[in-house]
Amino acid sequence: MTDRRATAGRLFPKTVDNGYRGSPVARWAFLALAGVSIARSCIHLFAPDGGAGSIAGIDLADGGAASIVFTFALWGLSQLIYGLIQLLVALRYRTLIPLMYLLLVVETVGRMAVGRFKPPVLLHVPPGGTADYVMLPLTVLMLVLSLWEGKRKAVA
């Protein structure tokens, strides 16, 4: 199999199981990212302001604050579902780790693009706005490491 076909086979495996062949660093980092996703989703779901004012720095003094908090709670629910899927992949369906890293890269680039083309009015820079500049190169590196097979056998 050519290198390109092997890489495509690891990104889009025909069989989904727990046989992961990439770098252990990428595997453990993915598990940590699942934990972060679940934690941040709980903040958006359970914080009184959904994190909109206290974390994201959105001014909730204007009318419509309840709708903003509602939107943050919905976003938190989506993050929770995504985080639980990440956790499931990290623990049970490890062959999907490279694909999940690719999705994380696309999602991070998408969020950065939306923020650039539709900039919000914020009281301060939210942690996610800064973290994206760390997460993007980190997830690209972890994607490469997850695709790099080296001389290891599949870890189940």
Protein backbone atom coordinates (compact mmCIF):
# COMPACT_ATOMS: atom_id res chain seq x y z
CA MET A 1 0.00 0.00 0.00
CA THR A 2 1.37 3.44 -0.87
CA ASP A 3 2.00 5.99 1.86
CA ARG A 4 -0.93 8.11 0.67
CA ARG A 5 -3.31 5.15 0.76
CA ALA A 6 -1.99 4.09 4.17
CA THR A 7 -2.58 7.59 5.54
CA ALA A 8 -6.08 7.68 4.05
CA GLY A 9 -6.75 4.26 5.58
CA ARG A 10 -5.76 5.56 9.02
CA LEU A 11 -7.86 8.72 8.63
CA PHE A 12 -10.89 6.84 7.31
CA PRO A 13 -10.52 3.23 8.52
CA LYS A 14 -12.71 0.58 6.92
CA THR A 15 -13.00 -1.17 10.28
CA VAL A 16 -13.43 0.74 13.53
CA ASP A 17 -11.87 -0.96 16.53
CA ASN A 18 -9.43 -0.27 19.34
CA GLY A 19 -6.29 -1.04 17.28
CA TYR A 20 -4.45 2.29 17.34
CA ARG A 21 -1.09 2.48 15.52
CA GLY A 22 -0.13 6.13 16.00
CA SER A 23 2.06 7.80 18.57
CA PRO A 24 1.19 7.15 22.23
CA VAL A 25 1.69 10.88 22.86
CA ALA A 26 -1.15 11.68 20.45
CA ARG A 27 -3.34 9.02 22.06
CA TRP A 28 -2.88 10.36 25.61
CA ALA A 29 -3.20 13.97 24.45
CA PHE A 30 -6.51 13.05 22.81
CA LEU A 31 -7.78 11.59 26.09
CA ALA A 32 -6.78 14.82 27.87
CA LEU A 33 -8.57 16.89 25.20
CA ALA A 34 -11.72 14.84 25.76
CA GLY A 35 -11.56 15.76 29.44
CA VAL A 36 -11.11 19.45 28.60
CA SER A 37 -14.08 19.31 26.19
CA ILE A 38 -16.30 17.76 28.84
CA ALA A 39 -15.19 20.25 31.51
CA ARG A 40 -15.76 23.32 29.36
CA SER A 41 -19.14 22.00 28.24
CA CYS A 42 -20.23 21.65 31.87
CA ILE A 43 -19.25 25.27 32.50
CA HIS A 44 -21.45 26.43 29.61
CA LEU A 45 -24.29 24.18 30.74
CA PHE A 46 -24.24 24.88 34.47
CA ALA A 47 -22.74 28.37 35.06
CA PRO A 48 -25.52 30.87 35.81
CA ASP A 49 -24.50 33.00 32.81
CA GLY A 50 -23.40 30.02 30.73
CA GLY A 51 -19.91 31.53 30.81
CA ALA A 52 -21.06 34.24 28.38
CA GLY A 53 -20.21 37.14 30.70
CA SER A 54 -17.91 35.59 33.28
CA ILE A 55 -15.65 33.78 30.80
CA ALA A 56 -16.31 35.05 27.25
CA GLY A 57 -16.57 38.69 28.30
CA ILE A 58 -19.89 39.38 26.58
CA ASP A 59 -21.74 42.37 28.01
CA LEU A 60 -25.00 40.93 29.31
CA ALA A 61 -26.36 44.30 30.49
CA ASP A 62 -28.26 44.93 27.24
CA GLY A 63 -31.60 43.33 26.42
CA GLY A 64 -31.37 39.81 25.08
CA ALA A 65 -29.03 38.56 27.79
CA ALA A 66 -31.28 35.57 28.50
CA SER A 67 -31.05 34.55 24.84
CA ILE A 68 -27.25 34.77 24.94
CA VAL A 69 -27.13 32.62 28.08
CA PHE A 70 -29.51 30.15 26.42
CA THR A 71 -27.27 30.01 23.34
CA PHE A 72 -24.20 29.35 25.50
CA ALA A 73 -26.05 26.52 27.27
CA LEU A 74 -26.93 24.99 23.88
CA TRP A 75 -23.29 25.33 22.87
CA GLY A 76 -22.34 23.61 26.11
CA LEU A 77 -24.66 20.72 25.29
CA SER A 78 -23.05 20.36 21.85
CA GLN A 79 -19.60 20.45 23.46
CA LEU A 80 -20.66 17.79 25.97
CA ILE A 81 -21.86 15.47 23.22
CA TYR A 82 -18.63 16.05 21.27
CA GLY A 83 -16.55 15.51 24.43
CA LEU A 84 -18.33 12.24 25.21
CA ILE A 85 -17.72 11.07 21.64
CA GLN A 86 -14.04 11.99 22.08
CA LEU A 87 -13.93 10.01 25.31
CA LEU A 88 -15.58 7.02 23.65
CA VAL A 89 -13.06 7.15 20.79
CA ALA A 90 -10.13 7.50 23.20
CA LEU A 91 -11.24 4.51 25.24
CA ARG A 92 -12.95 2.17 22.79
CA TYR A 93 -12.59 3.15 19.11
CA ARG A 94 -8.98 4.33 18.91
CA THR A 95 -8.69 3.80 15.16
CA LEU A 96 -10.79 6.97 14.86
CA ILE A 97 -8.28 9.16 16.76
CA PRO A 98 -6.67 10.55 13.56
CA LEU A 99 -10.09 11.42 12.11
CA MET A 100 -11.11 13.10 15.36
CA TYR A 101 -7.91 15.18 15.29
CA LEU A 102 -8.73 16.22 11.72
CA LEU A 103 -12.22 17.27 12.86
CA LEU A 104 -10.70 19.22 15.74
CA VAL A 105 -8.36 21.05 13.34
CA VAL A 106 -11.28 21.92 11.04
CA GLU A 107 -13.43 23.04 13.99
CA THR A 108 -10.65 25.23 15.43
CA VAL A 109 -9.91 26.86 12.05
CA GLY A 110 -13.65 27.38 11.54
CA ARG A 111 -14.10 29.06 14.92
CA MET A 112 -11.12 31.31 14.25
CA ALA A 113 -12.52 32.24 10.82
CA VAL A 114 -15.98 33.00 12.19
CA GLY A 115 -14.43 35.18 14.91
CA ARG A 116 -12.43 37.06 12.30
CA PHE A 117 -15.29 37.63 9.86
CA LYS A 118 -18.01 38.17 12.46
CA PRO A 119 -16.10 39.62 15.42
CA PRO A 120 -18.03 39.78 18.67
CA VAL A 121 -18.02 42.78 20.99
CA LEU A 122 -16.29 41.56 24.17
CA LEU A 123 -15.27 43.13 27.45
CA HIS A 124 -12.07 41.03 27.45
CA VAL A 125 -10.45 38.30 25.39
CA PRO A 126 -11.96 34.94 26.39
CA PRO A 127 -9.62 32.04 27.20
CA GLY A 128 -10.76 30.18 24.07
CA GLY A 129 -9.72 33.09 21.88
CA THR A 130 -6.15 32.79 23.11
CA ALA A 131 -6.19 29.00 23.41
CA ASP A 132 -7.02 28.60 19.72
CA TYR A 133 -3.52 29.85 18.83
CA VAL A 134 -2.08 27.06 20.98
CA MET A 135 -4.65 24.41 20.07
CA LEU A 136 -4.31 24.75 16.31
CA PRO A 137 -0.59 23.91 16.04
CA LEU A 138 -0.96 21.35 18.84
CA THR A 139 -3.81 19.51 17.10
CA VAL A 140 -1.99 19.60 13.75
CA LEU A 141 1.08 18.10 15.47
CA MET A 142 -1.06 15.46 17.21
CA LEU A 143 -2.77 14.66 13.90
CA VAL A 144 0.63 14.04 12.31
CA LEU A 145 1.76 11.95 15.29
CA SER A 146 -1.48 9.96 15.24
CA LEU A 147 -0.88 9.11 11.58
CA TRP A 148 2.79 8.28 12.09
CA GLU A 149 2.98 4.55 12.53
CA GLY A 150 6.71 4.13 13.12
CA LYS A 151 7.69 0.59 14.10
CA ARG A 152 4.92 0.01 16.64
CA LYS A 153 2.21 -2.56 16.45
CA ALA A 154 -1.40 -1.64 17.06
CA VAL A 155 -2.21 -0.85 20.70
CA ALA A 156 -5.54 -2.27 21.77
